[in-house]
Amino acid sequence: ILGMLDDVPTPLGFVITPVVGLLVDPPPFRPDAREVEEVFEVPLGVLTDPATFRDGGEREFMGRLYRLPEYHVAGRRIWGATARMVQLLLEAASAHP
């Protein structure tokens, strides 16, 4: 385990606590089809390219304001809580090069 990022609240009331780690031999992924459309890898360096980032603005849901970052890579859109976690990871990585 390398560290933890800030909690990421979701509009449905869940709070995600991202834990960042390094897997030497990653296990096979078994995503829940109800929650995950696709599993794919993106090198961190690709996500630091400003051309991949889109600012989706802000949206209020149930009295809470949410930032809507998006990352567009190889025809795929990373959005929602996943994009917010990516943004936190990139901020942490740039603070500790």
Protein backbone atom coordinates (compact mmCIF):
# COMPACT_ATOMS: atom_id res chain seq x y z
CA ILE A 1 0.00 0.00 0.00
CA LEU A 2 1.42 3.33 -1.10
CA GLY A 3 -1.18 5.53 0.56
CA MET A 4 -4.75 6.72 0.65
CA LEU A 5 -6.49 9.50 -1.23
CA ASP A 6 -9.26 11.73 0.09
CA ASP A 7 -12.71 10.19 0.38
CA VAL A 8 -14.91 10.55 -2.71
CA PRO A 9 -18.62 10.98 -1.96
CA THR A 10 -21.11 9.87 -4.62
CA PRO A 11 -24.53 11.30 -5.43
CA LEU A 12 -26.17 8.07 -4.21
CA GLY A 13 -24.77 8.59 -0.72
CA PHE A 14 -21.81 6.21 -0.85
CA VAL A 15 -18.34 7.32 0.20
CA ILE A 16 -15.39 5.71 -1.57
CA THR A 17 -12.04 5.62 0.23
CA PRO A 18 -9.40 5.14 -2.50
CA VAL A 19 -6.34 3.13 -1.47
CA VAL A 20 -3.36 3.28 -3.80
CA GLY A 21 -1.07 0.30 -3.99
CA LEU A 22 1.33 -1.56 -6.19
CA LEU A 23 0.47 -5.07 -7.37
CA VAL A 24 3.44 -7.10 -8.53
CA ASP A 25 1.25 -9.95 -9.78
CA PRO A 26 -2.26 -8.54 -10.22
CA PRO A 27 -5.07 -11.05 -9.78
CA PRO A 28 -7.62 -11.47 -12.58
CA PHE A 29 -10.32 -8.80 -12.41
CA ARG A 30 -13.93 -9.93 -11.94
CA PRO A 31 -15.97 -6.75 -12.33
CA ASP A 32 -19.64 -6.67 -11.41
CA ALA A 33 -21.45 -6.03 -14.71
CA ARG A 34 -24.06 -3.97 -12.84
CA GLU A 35 -21.39 -1.47 -11.84
CA VAL A 36 -18.49 -1.77 -14.30
CA GLU A 37 -18.88 -1.59 -18.05
CA GLU A 38 -15.27 -2.39 -18.93
CA VAL A 39 -11.85 -2.87 -17.35
CA PHE A 40 -8.89 -1.33 -19.17
CA GLU A 41 -5.47 0.05 -18.33
CA VAL A 42 -4.25 3.58 -18.96
CA PRO A 43 -0.65 4.59 -18.24
CA LEU A 44 -0.49 7.39 -15.68
CA GLY A 45 1.56 9.47 -18.10
CA VAL A 46 -1.31 9.44 -20.61
CA LEU A 47 -3.69 10.86 -18.01
CA THR A 48 -1.30 13.73 -17.25
CA ASP A 49 -1.62 14.93 -20.86
CA PRO A 50 -3.92 17.99 -20.71
CA ALA A 51 -5.50 16.89 -24.00
CA THR A 52 -7.19 13.96 -22.20
CA PHE A 53 -8.94 16.18 -19.62
CA ARG A 54 -12.36 17.79 -20.00
CA ASP A 55 -13.97 19.97 -17.34
CA GLY A 56 -17.62 18.97 -17.19
CA GLY A 57 -18.40 21.83 -14.82
CA GLU A 58 -20.40 21.30 -11.66
CA ARG A 59 -23.72 19.71 -10.86
CA GLU A 60 -25.82 19.94 -7.74
CA PHE A 61 -27.50 16.79 -6.52
CA MET A 62 -29.50 16.60 -3.31
CA GLY A 63 -27.99 19.82 -2.01
CA ARG A 64 -24.37 18.86 -2.68
CA LEU A 65 -22.18 20.30 -5.44
CA TYR A 66 -20.12 17.82 -7.48
CA ARG A 67 -17.25 18.61 -9.86
CA LEU A 68 -17.50 16.69 -13.12
CA PRO A 69 -14.03 15.99 -14.50
CA GLU A 70 -13.69 13.63 -17.46
CA TYR A 71 -10.74 11.93 -19.10
CA HIS A 72 -10.93 10.86 -22.75
CA VAL A 73 -8.43 8.17 -23.76
CA ALA A 74 -8.44 5.91 -26.83
CA GLY A 75 -12.13 6.44 -27.51
CA ARG A 76 -13.09 5.79 -23.87
CA ARG A 77 -14.60 8.23 -21.37
CA ILE A 78 -13.57 8.04 -17.72
CA TRP A 79 -16.13 9.98 -15.70
CA GLY A 80 -18.00 10.17 -12.41
CA ALA A 81 -16.39 8.98 -9.19
CA THR A 82 -13.69 7.19 -11.18
CA ALA A 83 -12.62 10.46 -12.82
CA ARG A 84 -12.64 12.22 -9.44
CA MET A 85 -10.35 9.49 -8.05
CA VAL A 86 -8.05 9.81 -11.09
CA GLN A 87 -7.90 13.56 -10.50
CA LEU A 88 -6.96 13.02 -6.82
CA LEU A 89 -4.28 10.52 -7.84
CA LEU A 90 -2.79 12.93 -10.38
CA GLU A 91 -2.79 15.76 -7.80
CA ALA A 92 -1.05 13.51 -5.26
CA ALA A 93 1.49 12.34 -7.84
CA SER A 94 2.33 15.92 -8.88
CA ALA A 95 2.75 16.95 -5.21
CA HIS A 96 5.24 14.08 -4.64
CA PRO A 97 7.23 13.63 -7.87
